[in-house]
Structure formats: C-alpha cells, structure tokens
C-alpha cells in the first residue's frame, strides 16, 4: 500500500479497497503534529493502522522534519519501536 503526503489536505493518505486510511496533520511552527489516524472499519484489526503509522513515520524521517504524534494510536505504535521513539523523543 502506498502512502502519500498531501499537504493541500493536511494529511498522509493510504488508499485501500475499503476506502482511504489517513493521518491528519497540523503545524505548530516548524513541528508537524499528528493528531488523528483513521482506518476504514473493514480494516480495523488487520494491521492496516500499524502499516499506515509506520509508513507515515518513515516519510517524516525521510523529510527530515520535526514531528510529534498526539493521536493515542500513533503514540502507541511509535513507542513500540526504538527507531520511532528516537525520532519523536518518546
């Protein structure tokens, strides 16, 4: 599944057969805030949310920007891997 950064819609988007999964963003100065992740109900419990989160984190890392997840799900995924803990200072 491909995840695309869509700055015009303030989100990262992952199209799926069940509909779009996405992470919304907003900016606080030069820090990208990640307040919400949404996965179609048909995909909940399948690992799609974790794949979405990891893909978004990889893009943020590649972009070289500061970011802070505030969505409880995204924080949980970030805390599960030392790579993301370091990226977000968790």
C-alpha atoms as a PDB file:
ATOM      1  CA  UNK A   1       0.000   0.000   0.000  1.00  0.00           C
ATOM      2  CA  UNK A   2       1.297   3.405  -0.984  1.00  0.00           C
ATOM      3  CA  UNK A   3       1.156   6.307   1.434  1.00  0.00           C
ATOM      4  CA  UNK A   4       1.250   9.811   0.005  1.00  0.00           C
ATOM      5  CA  UNK A   5       1.778  13.117   1.768  1.00  0.00           C
ATOM      6  CA  UNK A   6      -0.980  15.505   0.708  1.00  0.00           C
ATOM      7  CA  UNK A   7      -0.123  18.976   2.072  1.00  0.00           C
ATOM      8  CA  UNK A   8      -3.200  20.550   0.464  1.00  0.00           C
ATOM      9  CA  UNK A   9      -5.474  18.259   2.516  1.00  0.00           C
ATOM     10  CA  UNK A  10      -3.212  18.319   5.590  1.00  0.00           C
ATOM     11  CA  UNK A  11      -2.806  14.586   5.746  1.00  0.00           C
ATOM     12  CA  UNK A  12      -0.969  11.450   4.737  1.00  0.00           C
ATOM     13  CA  UNK A  13      -3.252   9.222   2.685  1.00  0.00           C
ATOM     14  CA  UNK A  14      -3.214   5.462   2.064  1.00  0.00           C
ATOM     15  CA  UNK A  15      -5.815   4.316  -0.489  1.00  0.00           C
ATOM     16  CA  UNK A  16      -7.249   0.833   0.132  1.00  0.00           C
ATOM     17  CA  UNK A  17     -10.006  -1.246  -1.420  1.00  0.00           C
ATOM     18  CA  UNK A  18     -12.120  -0.473   1.663  1.00  0.00           C
ATOM     19  CA  UNK A  19     -11.575   3.306   1.398  1.00  0.00           C
ATOM     20  CA  UNK A  20      -8.840   5.708   2.387  1.00  0.00           C
ATOM     21  CA  UNK A  21      -6.840   5.316   5.568  1.00  0.00           C
ATOM     22  CA  UNK A  22      -5.174   8.543   6.655  1.00  0.00           C
ATOM     23  CA  UNK A  23      -3.287  10.507   9.273  1.00  0.00           C
ATOM     24  CA  UNK A  24      -4.247  14.156   9.663  1.00  0.00           C
ATOM     25  CA  UNK A  25      -1.610  16.770  10.342  1.00  0.00           C
ATOM     26  CA  UNK A  26      -1.354  20.339  11.509  1.00  0.00           C
ATOM     27  CA  UNK A  27       1.634  22.576  12.027  1.00  0.00           C
ATOM     28  CA  UNK A  28       2.835  24.168  15.238  1.00  0.00           C
ATOM     29  CA  UNK A  29       5.591  26.414  13.930  1.00  0.00           C
ATOM     30  CA  UNK A  30       8.059  24.051  12.280  1.00  0.00           C
ATOM     31  CA  UNK A  31       6.740  20.944  14.060  1.00  0.00           C
ATOM     32  CA  UNK A  32       4.281  18.641  12.293  1.00  0.00           C
ATOM     33  CA  UNK A  33       1.608  17.493  14.748  1.00  0.00           C
ATOM     34  CA  UNK A  34      -0.128  14.149  14.078  1.00  0.00           C
ATOM     35  CA  UNK A  35      -3.466  14.403  15.934  1.00  0.00           C
ATOM     36  CA  UNK A  36      -5.556  11.690  14.286  1.00  0.00           C
ATOM     37  CA  UNK A  37      -5.326   8.404  12.380  1.00  0.00           C
ATOM     38  CA  UNK A  38      -8.314   6.823  10.659  1.00  0.00           C
ATOM     39  CA  UNK A  39      -8.636   3.390   9.078  1.00  0.00           C
ATOM     40  CA  UNK A  40     -11.794   2.118   7.344  1.00  0.00           C
ATOM     41  CA  UNK A  41     -13.827  -0.025   9.738  1.00  0.00           C
ATOM     42  CA  UNK A  42     -13.442  -3.068   7.457  1.00  0.00           C
ATOM     43  CA  UNK A  43      -9.666  -2.938   8.010  1.00  0.00           C
ATOM     44  CA  UNK A  44      -9.617  -2.485  11.772  1.00  0.00           C
ATOM     45  CA  UNK A  45      -7.748  -5.275  13.496  1.00  0.00           C
ATOM     46  CA  UNK A  46      -5.896  -6.280  10.316  1.00  0.00           C
ATOM     47  CA  UNK A  47      -2.658  -4.389  10.957  1.00  0.00           C
ATOM     48  CA  UNK A  48      -3.524  -1.720   8.386  1.00  0.00           C
ATOM     49  CA  UNK A  49      -3.304   1.011  11.036  1.00  0.00           C
ATOM     50  CA  UNK A  50       0.183  -0.066  12.072  1.00  0.00           C
ATOM     51  CA  UNK A  51       1.278  -0.182   8.418  1.00  0.00           C
ATOM     52  CA  UNK A  52      -0.159   3.298   7.913  1.00  0.00           C
ATOM     53  CA  UNK A  53       1.600   4.645  11.006  1.00  0.00           C
ATOM     54  CA  UNK A  54       4.937   3.074  10.098  1.00  0.00           C
ATOM     55  CA  UNK A  55       4.728   4.377   6.536  1.00  0.00           C
ATOM     56  CA  UNK A  56       3.957   7.888   7.768  1.00  0.00           C
ATOM     57  CA  UNK A  57       6.823   7.728  10.271  1.00  0.00           C
ATOM     58  CA  UNK A  58       9.211   6.609   7.513  1.00  0.00           C
ATOM     59  CA  UNK A  59       8.168   9.551   5.344  1.00  0.00           C
ATOM     60  CA  UNK A  60       8.591  12.016   8.201  1.00  0.00           C
ATOM     61  CA  UNK A  61      12.042  10.589   8.887  1.00  0.00           C
ATOM     62  CA  UNK A  62      12.979  10.935   5.191  1.00  0.00           C
ATOM     63  CA  UNK A  63      11.624  14.515   5.107  1.00  0.00           C
ATOM     64  CA  UNK A  64      13.951  15.412   7.972  1.00  0.00           C
ATOM     65  CA  UNK A  65      11.311  17.425   9.812  1.00  0.00           C
ATOM     66  CA  UNK A  66      10.344  17.611  13.455  1.00  0.00           C
ATOM     67  CA  UNK A  67       7.074  15.865  14.254  1.00  0.00           C
ATOM     68  CA  UNK A  68       5.031  14.920  17.298  1.00  0.00           C
ATOM     69  CA  UNK A  69       2.282  12.284  17.340  1.00  0.00           C
ATOM     70  CA  UNK A  70      -0.581  13.193  19.691  1.00  0.00           C
ATOM     71  CA  UNK A  71      -3.062  10.552  18.499  1.00  0.00           C
ATOM     72  CA  UNK A  72      -3.052   7.781  21.143  1.00  0.00           C
ATOM     73  CA  UNK A  73      -2.807   5.064  18.483  1.00  0.00           C
ATOM     74  CA  UNK A  74       0.145   6.730  16.747  1.00  0.00           C
ATOM     75  CA  UNK A  75       1.898   7.232  20.095  1.00  0.00           C
ATOM     76  CA  UNK A  76       1.371   3.525  20.886  1.00  0.00           C
ATOM     77  CA  UNK A  77       2.897   2.463  17.560  1.00  0.00           C
ATOM     78  CA  UNK A  78       5.788   4.914  17.963  1.00  0.00           C
ATOM     79  CA  UNK A  79       6.559   3.611  21.463  1.00  0.00           C
ATOM     80  CA  UNK A  80       6.704   0.030  20.167  1.00  0.00           C
ATOM     81  CA  UNK A  81       9.901   0.615  18.164  1.00  0.00           C
ATOM     82  CA  UNK A  82      13.137   2.278  19.357  1.00  0.00           C
ATOM     83  CA  UNK A  83      13.589   3.852  15.911  1.00  0.00           C
ATOM     84  CA  UNK A  84      10.358   5.827  16.285  1.00  0.00           C
ATOM     85  CA  UNK A  85      10.962   6.519  19.969  1.00  0.00           C
ATOM     86  CA  UNK A  86      14.190   8.260  18.947  1.00  0.00           C
ATOM     87  CA  UNK A  87      12.548  10.095  16.038  1.00  0.00           C
ATOM     88  CA  UNK A  88       9.826  11.554  18.239  1.00  0.00           C
ATOM     89  CA  UNK A  89      11.753  11.806  21.516  1.00  0.00           C
ATOM     90  CA  UNK A  90       9.456   9.368  23.330  1.00  0.00           C
END
